[in-house]
Amino acid sequence: MFTFMKNWLKKGSGSEGLAADREITEESVLPADQAQLAQVREAEPSAEPTDFPQQQTAQEQMAAAATEAAEPAEEQSGGEQTAGEQAAGGPAVETAVETPLSLHPEWEQQLDSSQKYALMFMASELPPMASDSISLAGIRIYPHEQGVEVTAFIRNGSSRPIRLNQMNLLLLFDENRLFARQRFDLSAVGEIPPRHARPWSFLFLRENFLITDVLLSRWKLAFELAEKKLVLPQQLELEESWIKALSDEQKQSLIELARRLPPLRQGEVNLQPVQLSRGADGSLRALLLFRNGSTRSLSFEKLPLVLLDAQGEKAAEGLFELAGGLTVRKETSKPWLFIFPRQNLCKEAPDFSRWKVIIPGKA
């Protein structure tokens, strides 16, 4: 018998106990077509944001890359509107659907009739959902010896059965603040019938907690790809474009950095190195974190930067024109990727065992 089944059976006995313990939270909704592709997109090793500043003769090359990266996003947006059209062969019709209970065979065997009735009642209380989407509706959260366990309904609003694979899930609280992020193998959930809701439990291990000693008020279980904004520790903000564009490794690097960063001091403004990699064209790609501890927002349209290696010697430099501008709100931090083209490299064999990026004249 699965661990989550043991915990479920321990937590409630009979329909009264389960029904009284319920707490349906805000749902995390993802278009069904994106959910099926979520694990494929995350597995791509080259998935990096490319709609970032370019300069000099690299402009055409980087603009082409940005256009290429933007096209899938447009296709995803279109997918939300035409998913019904693809499934039914006709124009998409946005309808709200109900999702009655569907139990995993193991749950079906282990739950008694009163427990099944309680779950059936809870599923019936879920609000109608958009067709051709899937969602997570949290039921309850409780401590576990290894971390925190969350029980939720996985809802299938599409007209066809779905089977999920590996996906990143988030445990959020208090206006999209990130408490934990963990990858789950959702194939164990099995096949969810069309327009049904299946209860499942998720164990977030303590090692994946970003912060401790907080009250998990207004909590939410979410698909990572469905979120419009995330707030990491030390007020590090990730917007939707970054959530979708950053590779899994880059997201984890930001999370690890946010864990160990000291709190922003009043008036503190600095650049924090996150990750440095070399592109296939010989360019250097520096992921930086802008930390703004001042009482006003900072905006940049052009930014001169110098990349220094472990010896403090100049490895690359450039003047970056920031298309659309870069704004870092007061008392927050924001990541940005800067690409130093090959022709802007200044040193033959730099040592990047340590590195940093400075603004000339403000080192």
Protein backbone atom coordinates (compact mmCIF):
# COMPACT_ATOMS: atom_id res chain seq x y z
CA MET A 1 0.00 0.00 0.00
CA PHE A 2 1.34 3.44 -0.94
CA THR A 3 2.64 5.79 1.74
CA PHE A 4 0.12 8.47 0.82
CA MET A 5 -2.69 5.94 1.28
CA LYS A 6 -1.47 5.14 4.78
CA ASN A 7 -1.41 8.83 5.68
CA TRP A 8 -4.83 9.44 4.17
CA LEU A 9 -6.35 6.58 6.14
CA LYS A 10 -4.71 7.83 9.35
CA LYS A 11 -5.92 11.40 8.93
CA GLY A 12 -9.61 10.74 8.66
CA SER A 13 -12.08 8.02 9.45
CA GLY A 14 -15.51 8.39 8.01
CA SER A 15 -17.13 11.09 5.94
CA GLU A 16 -17.56 13.52 8.85
CA GLY A 17 -13.83 13.63 9.64
CA LEU A 18 -12.75 14.08 6.05
CA ALA A 19 -15.40 16.62 5.17
CA ALA A 20 -14.69 18.71 8.25
CA ASP A 21 -10.97 18.71 7.48
CA ARG A 22 -11.33 19.97 3.92
CA GLU A 23 -9.98 23.30 2.73
CA ILE A 24 -10.29 23.79 -1.01
CA THR A 25 -7.63 26.31 -2.03
CA GLU A 26 -7.20 28.51 -5.09
CA GLU A 27 -6.61 26.38 -8.16
CA SER A 28 -3.53 26.31 -10.38
CA VAL A 29 -4.72 25.97 -13.99
CA LEU A 30 -2.69 24.87 -17.00
CA PRO A 31 -3.93 24.34 -20.59
CA ALA A 32 -4.06 20.58 -21.20
CA ASP A 33 -1.81 20.74 -24.24
CA GLN A 34 0.90 22.54 -22.26
CA ALA A 35 0.61 20.02 -19.45
CA GLN A 36 1.34 17.17 -21.82
CA LEU A 37 4.44 19.00 -23.08
CA ALA A 38 5.60 20.35 -19.73
CA GLN A 39 8.17 17.67 -19.02
CA VAL A 40 9.52 17.82 -22.61
CA ARG A 41 10.06 21.58 -22.47
CA GLU A 42 11.81 21.37 -19.11
CA ALA A 43 14.13 18.61 -20.30
CA GLU A 44 15.57 20.65 -23.15
CA PRO A 45 19.16 21.49 -22.09
CA SER A 46 19.32 24.54 -24.33
CA ALA A 47 16.17 26.18 -23.00
CA GLU A 48 17.39 29.62 -21.98
CA PRO A 49 15.87 33.09 -22.25
CA THR A 50 17.10 34.65 -25.47
CA ASP A 51 15.03 37.83 -25.66
CA PHE A 52 17.76 39.74 -23.85
CA PRO A 53 20.12 42.59 -24.75
CA GLN A 54 22.46 42.19 -27.71
CA GLN A 55 25.03 44.61 -29.07
CA GLN A 56 27.27 45.48 -32.02
CA THR A 57 27.63 42.88 -34.77
CA ALA A 58 25.96 40.15 -32.70
CA GLN A 59 22.61 41.93 -32.95
CA GLU A 60 21.33 40.06 -35.98
CA GLN A 61 22.39 36.71 -34.57
CA MET A 62 20.80 37.33 -31.18
CA ALA A 63 17.64 38.85 -32.71
CA ALA A 64 17.18 35.70 -34.76
CA ALA A 65 17.54 33.62 -31.60
CA ALA A 66 15.04 35.82 -29.80
CA THR A 67 12.55 35.43 -32.64
CA GLU A 68 12.99 31.68 -32.59
CA ALA A 69 12.44 31.59 -28.82
CA ALA A 70 9.40 33.83 -29.02
CA GLU A 71 7.59 31.66 -31.56
CA PRO A 72 6.89 28.74 -29.19
CA ALA A 73 5.46 31.19 -26.64
CA GLU A 74 3.07 32.51 -29.29
CA GLU A 75 2.15 28.98 -30.19
CA GLN A 76 1.44 28.19 -26.53
CA SER A 77 -0.79 31.23 -26.25
CA GLY A 78 -2.61 30.17 -29.37
CA GLY A 79 -2.85 26.66 -27.98
CA GLU A 80 -4.95 27.90 -25.08
CA GLN A 81 -7.48 29.36 -27.49
CA THR A 82 -7.59 26.54 -29.99
CA ALA A 83 -7.16 23.43 -27.85
CA GLY A 84 -10.83 22.59 -28.30
CA GLU A 85 -10.50 23.14 -32.03
CA GLN A 86 -7.58 20.69 -32.19
CA ALA A 87 -9.46 18.10 -30.16
CA ALA A 88 -12.82 18.37 -31.88
CA GLY A 89 -11.81 19.44 -35.37
CA GLY A 90 -13.92 22.61 -35.17
CA PRO A 91 -13.91 26.08 -33.63
CA ALA A 92 -12.96 26.22 -29.96
CA VAL A 93 -15.87 26.64 -27.57
CA GLU A 94 -14.95 27.85 -24.09
CA THR A 95 -17.20 25.98 -21.67
CA ALA A 96 -17.15 25.30 -17.96
CA VAL A 97 -17.19 21.63 -16.98
CA GLU A 98 -17.84 19.70 -13.80
CA THR A 99 -15.33 17.08 -12.64
CA PRO A 100 -16.79 14.24 -10.56
CA LEU A 101 -14.56 11.93 -8.53
CA SER A 102 -12.21 9.38 -10.07
CA LEU A 103 -10.22 7.21 -7.66
CA HIS A 104 -6.92 5.49 -8.34
CA PRO A 105 -7.44 1.69 -8.17
CA GLU A 106 -5.33 1.53 -5.00
CA TRP A 107 -7.48 4.18 -3.31
CA GLU A 108 -10.58 2.39 -4.54
CA GLN A 109 -9.48 -0.79 -2.75
CA GLN A 110 -8.37 0.80 0.51
CA LEU A 111 -11.01 3.45 1.25
CA ASP A 112 -14.26 2.49 2.89
CA SER A 113 -17.63 3.66 1.63
CA SER A 114 -17.88 6.65 3.99
CA GLN A 115 -14.41 7.90 2.97
CA LYS A 116 -15.31 7.52 -0.68
CA TYR A 117 -18.51 9.45 -0.08
CA ALA A 118 -16.56 12.27 1.61
CA LEU A 119 -14.22 12.56 -1.37
CA MET A 120 -17.15 12.41 -3.78
CA PHE A 121 -18.81 15.25 -1.85
CA MET A 122 -15.61 17.33 -1.89
CA ALA A 123 -15.19 16.80 -5.65
CA SER A 124 -18.77 17.91 -6.20
CA GLU A 125 -18.06 21.17 -4.33
CA LEU A 126 -15.25 22.13 -6.71
CA PRO A 127 -16.21 25.07 -8.95
CA PRO A 128 -16.67 24.42 -12.68
CA MET A 129 -13.40 24.60 -14.61
CA ALA A 130 -12.45 25.63 -18.13
CA SER A 131 -12.57 22.84 -20.67
CA ASP A 132 -9.30 21.66 -22.21
CA SER A 133 -7.32 22.46 -19.10
CA ILE A 134 -6.01 20.66 -16.05
CA SER A 135 -5.76 22.06 -12.56
CA LEU A 136 -4.59 21.41 -9.02
CA ALA A 137 -7.07 22.14 -6.25
CA GLY A 138 -5.49 21.81 -2.81
CA ILE A 139 -7.57 20.10 -0.13
CA ARG A 140 -5.36 20.16 2.94
CA ILE A 141 -1.82 20.43 4.21
CA TYR A 142 -0.27 18.85 7.29
CA PRO A 143 3.19 18.17 8.78
CA HIS A 144 5.05 15.00 7.88
CA GLU A 145 8.14 13.54 9.54
CA GLN A 146 10.05 14.14 6.29
CA GLY A 147 8.55 17.52 5.45
CA VAL A 148 5.04 18.65 4.49
CA GLU A 149 2.32 16.59 2.86
CA VAL A 150 -0.28 18.18 0.61
CA THR A 151 -3.42 16.50 -0.68
CA ALA A 152 -5.08 17.89 -3.79
CA PHE A 153 -7.45 17.06 -6.60
CA ILE A 154 -5.84 16.76 -10.04
CA ARG A 155 -8.65 17.85 -12.35
CA ASN A 156 -8.90 16.93 -16.02
CA GLY A 157 -11.20 19.35 -17.84
CA SER A 158 -10.43 17.98 -21.29
CA SER A 159 -12.59 15.62 -23.35
CA ARG A 160 -9.91 12.93 -23.42
CA PRO A 161 -8.08 10.94 -20.74
CA ILE A 162 -4.72 12.31 -19.63
CA ARG A 163 -1.63 10.69 -18.18
CA LEU A 164 0.91 13.07 -16.68
CA ASN A 165 4.65 12.52 -16.43
CA GLN A 166 7.36 14.33 -14.45
CA MET A 167 6.53 17.91 -13.59
CA ASN A 168 7.76 20.58 -11.20
CA LEU A 169 5.21 21.51 -8.54
CA LEU A 170 5.33 24.49 -6.21
CA LEU A 171 4.04 25.02 -2.71
CA LEU A 172 3.16 28.71 -2.41
CA PHE A 173 1.86 30.89 0.40
CA ASP A 174 0.89 34.50 1.03
CA GLU A 175 0.65 36.06 -2.44
CA ASN A 176 2.80 33.67 -4.50
CA ARG A 177 5.74 33.43 -2.13
CA LEU A 178 7.62 30.21 -2.84
CA PHE A 179 7.90 27.83 0.10
CA ALA A 180 9.07 24.69 -1.73
CA ARG A 181 9.73 23.47 -5.27
CA GLN A 182 10.01 19.79 -6.12
CA ARG A 183 9.85 17.50 -9.14
CA PHE A 184 7.22 14.75 -8.98
CA ASP A 185 6.69 11.70 -11.15
CA LEU A 186 2.97 12.03 -11.84
CA SER A 187 2.80 8.88 -13.94
CA ALA A 188 1.96 7.08 -10.66
CA VAL A 189 -1.36 8.96 -10.64
CA GLY A 190 -2.42 6.82 -13.59
CA GLU A 191 -4.85 7.73 -16.33
CA ILE A 192 -7.41 10.35 -15.32
CA PRO A 193 -10.68 9.99 -17.27
CA PRO A 194 -12.09 12.94 -19.23
CA ARG A 195 -13.66 15.61 -17.02
CA HIS A 196 -12.92 13.94 -13.71
CA ALA A 197 -10.95 14.85 -10.57
CA ARG A 198 -8.51 12.46 -8.90
CA PRO A 199 -7.24 13.01 -5.34
CA TRP A 200 -3.51 12.58 -4.75
CA SER A 201 -0.98 13.37 -2.03
CA PHE A 202 2.37 15.07 -2.53
CA LEU A 203 5.23 14.93 -0.02
CA PHE A 204 7.49 17.99 -0.16
CA LEU A 205 10.76 16.97 1.47
CA ARG A 206 12.31 19.25 4.07
CA GLU A 207 15.46 19.57 1.99
CA ASN A 208 13.43 21.45 -0.63
CA PHE A 209 12.07 24.07 1.78
CA LEU A 210 13.29 27.54 0.89
CA ILE A 211 12.39 29.06 4.22
CA THR A 212 11.38 27.87 7.68
CA ASP A 213 9.45 29.19 10.65
CA VAL A 214 6.63 30.67 8.59
CA LEU A 215 2.88 30.29 8.81
CA LEU A 216 1.62 28.69 5.59
CA SER A 217 -1.37 30.96 5.29
CA ARG A 218 -3.28 31.17 2.02
CA TRP A 219 -1.31 28.23 0.69
CA LYS A 220 -1.57 26.90 -2.85
CA LEU A 221 -0.26 23.87 -4.74
CA ALA A 222 0.69 24.93 -8.26
CA PHE A 223 2.10 23.79 -11.57
CA GLU A 224 5.32 25.72 -12.09
CA LEU A 225 4.45 26.49 -15.71
CA ALA A 226 1.06 27.93 -14.76
CA GLU A 227 2.37 30.70 -12.51
CA LYS A 228 2.50 34.32 -13.61
CA LYS A 229 4.90 35.39 -10.87
CA LEU A 230 7.00 33.85 -8.10
CA VAL A 231 8.58 35.53 -5.08
CA LEU A 232 11.65 33.73 -3.75
CA PRO A 233 13.37 34.47 -0.44
CA GLN A 234 14.91 37.92 -0.08
CA GLN A 235 12.17 39.28 -2.37
CA LEU A 236 13.69 37.76 -5.49
CA GLU A 237 10.97 38.09 -8.12
CA LEU A 238 10.51 35.84 -11.16
CA GLU A 239 7.99 36.91 -13.78
CA GLU A 240 6.11 34.58 -16.11
CA SER A 241 8.53 34.94 -19.03
CA TRP A 242 11.42 33.88 -16.77
CA ILE A 243 9.50 30.97 -15.25
CA LYS A 244 8.92 29.58 -18.75
CA ALA A 245 12.28 30.49 -20.29
CA LEU A 246 14.83 29.57 -17.63
CA SER A 247 16.22 26.07 -17.72
CA ASP A 248 15.64 23.84 -14.72
CA GLU A 249 19.32 24.23 -13.77
CA GLN A 250 19.09 28.03 -13.88
CA LYS A 251 15.96 28.08 -11.73
CA GLN A 252 17.65 25.85 -9.18
CA SER A 253 20.73 28.10 -9.20
CA LEU A 254 18.52 31.11 -8.42
CA ILE A 255 16.74 29.22 -5.65
CA GLU A 256 20.02 28.12 -4.06
CA LEU A 257 21.32 31.67 -4.29
CA ALA A 258 18.14 33.07 -2.72
CA ARG A 259 18.53 30.60 0.15
CA ARG A 260 21.98 31.82 1.13
CA LEU A 261 21.73 35.53 0.33
CA PRO A 262 21.71 37.85 3.34
CA PRO A 263 18.69 40.13 3.66
CA LEU A 264 18.73 43.27 1.55
CA ARG A 265 20.06 46.17 3.59
CA GLN A 266 18.36 49.54 3.32
CA GLY A 267 19.90 51.45 0.41
CA GLU A 268 21.88 48.43 -0.86
CA VAL A 269 22.13 48.14 -4.66
CA ASN A 270 24.40 45.52 -6.21
CA LEU A 271 24.89 42.89 -8.91
CA GLN A 272 25.09 39.28 -7.74
CA PRO A 273 26.63 36.65 -10.08
CA VAL A 274 24.44 33.55 -10.50
CA GLN A 275 25.65 31.46 -13.44
CA LEU A 276 28.19 31.80 -16.25
CA SER A 277 28.16 29.61 -19.36
CA ARG A 278 29.67 29.65 -22.84
CA GLY A 279 27.37 29.63 -25.87
CA ALA A 280 27.89 27.48 -28.96
CA ASP A 281 28.96 30.64 -30.84
CA GLY A 282 31.74 31.34 -28.30
CA SER A 283 29.79 34.03 -26.44
CA LEU A 284 29.70 34.26 -22.65
CA ARG A 285 26.27 34.19 -21.03
CA ALA A 286 26.18 35.76 -17.57
CA LEU A 287 23.06 35.35 -15.45
CA LEU A 288 23.03 38.14 -12.86
CA LEU A 289 20.80 39.17 -10.01
CA PHE A 290 20.01 42.87 -9.55
CA ARG A 291 19.42 43.61 -5.86
CA ASN A 292 17.68 46.87 -5.08
CA GLY A 293 17.43 47.70 -1.41
CA SER A 294 16.66 51.35 -2.07
CA THR A 295 13.31 53.04 -1.53
CA ARG A 296 12.72 53.69 -5.22
CA SER A 297 12.54 51.60 -8.38
CA LEU A 298 15.59 51.49 -10.62
CA SER A 299 15.28 51.55 -14.41
CA PHE A 300 17.94 50.98 -17.06
CA GLU A 301 17.83 51.40 -20.83
CA LYS A 302 21.58 51.11 -21.46
CA LEU A 303 24.08 49.46 -19.17
CA PRO A 304 27.87 49.18 -19.53
CA LEU A 305 29.22 45.99 -17.94
CA VAL A 306 32.65 44.44 -17.40
CA LEU A 307 33.16 40.73 -16.66
CA LEU A 308 36.10 40.01 -14.35
CA ASP A 309 37.71 36.60 -13.84
CA ALA A 310 39.24 35.05 -10.70
CA GLN A 311 42.37 37.19 -11.04
CA GLY A 312 40.27 40.35 -11.24
CA GLU A 313 41.26 40.77 -14.89
CA LYS A 314 38.88 41.93 -17.60
CA ALA A 315 37.49 38.91 -19.47
CA ALA A 316 34.75 40.70 -21.45
CA GLU A 317 33.02 44.04 -21.67
CA GLY A 318 30.15 45.64 -23.51
CA LEU A 319 27.45 48.28 -23.59
CA PHE A 320 24.05 46.61 -23.39
CA GLU A 321 20.93 48.20 -24.84
CA LEU A 322 17.98 46.82 -22.88
CA ALA A 323 15.02 46.47 -25.21
CA GLY A 324 11.94 47.65 -23.33
CA GLY A 325 14.11 48.64 -20.38
CA LEU A 326 14.95 46.84 -17.16
CA THR A 327 13.09 47.91 -14.02
CA VAL A 328 13.84 46.56 -10.56
CA ARG A 329 11.18 47.54 -8.06
CA LYS A 330 12.19 48.96 -4.71
CA GLU A 331 13.29 46.43 -2.07
CA THR A 332 13.27 43.53 -4.54
CA SER A 333 15.71 41.54 -6.66
CA LYS A 334 15.40 40.55 -10.32
CA PRO A 335 17.48 38.24 -12.56
CA TRP A 336 18.68 39.15 -16.06
CA LEU A 337 20.78 37.37 -18.65
CA PHE A 338 23.57 39.29 -20.41
CA ILE A 339 25.30 37.85 -23.47
CA PHE A 340 28.85 38.99 -24.21
CA PRO A 341 29.47 38.26 -27.94
CA ARG A 342 32.70 36.55 -28.87
CA GLN A 343 34.19 39.74 -30.31
CA ASN A 344 33.76 41.43 -26.92
CA LEU A 345 35.93 38.93 -25.07
CA CYS A 346 39.18 40.44 -23.80
CA LYS A 347 41.23 37.52 -22.51
CA GLU A 348 42.53 34.34 -24.16
CA ALA A 349 42.04 31.85 -21.31
CA PRO A 350 40.24 33.46 -18.37
CA ASP A 351 39.92 31.67 -15.04
CA PHE A 352 36.26 31.54 -14.10
CA SER A 353 36.64 29.57 -10.86
CA ARG A 354 35.42 32.90 -9.43
CA TRP A 355 33.92 35.75 -11.39
CA LYS A 356 31.86 38.89 -11.07
CA VAL A 357 30.34 41.61 -13.25
CA ILE A 358 30.74 45.29 -12.46
CA ILE A 359 29.48 48.59 -13.81
CA PRO A 360 32.61 50.58 -14.81
CA GLY A 361 33.31 53.36 -12.37
CA LYS A 362 31.04 51.78 -9.71
CA ALA A 363 33.12 48.74 -8.71
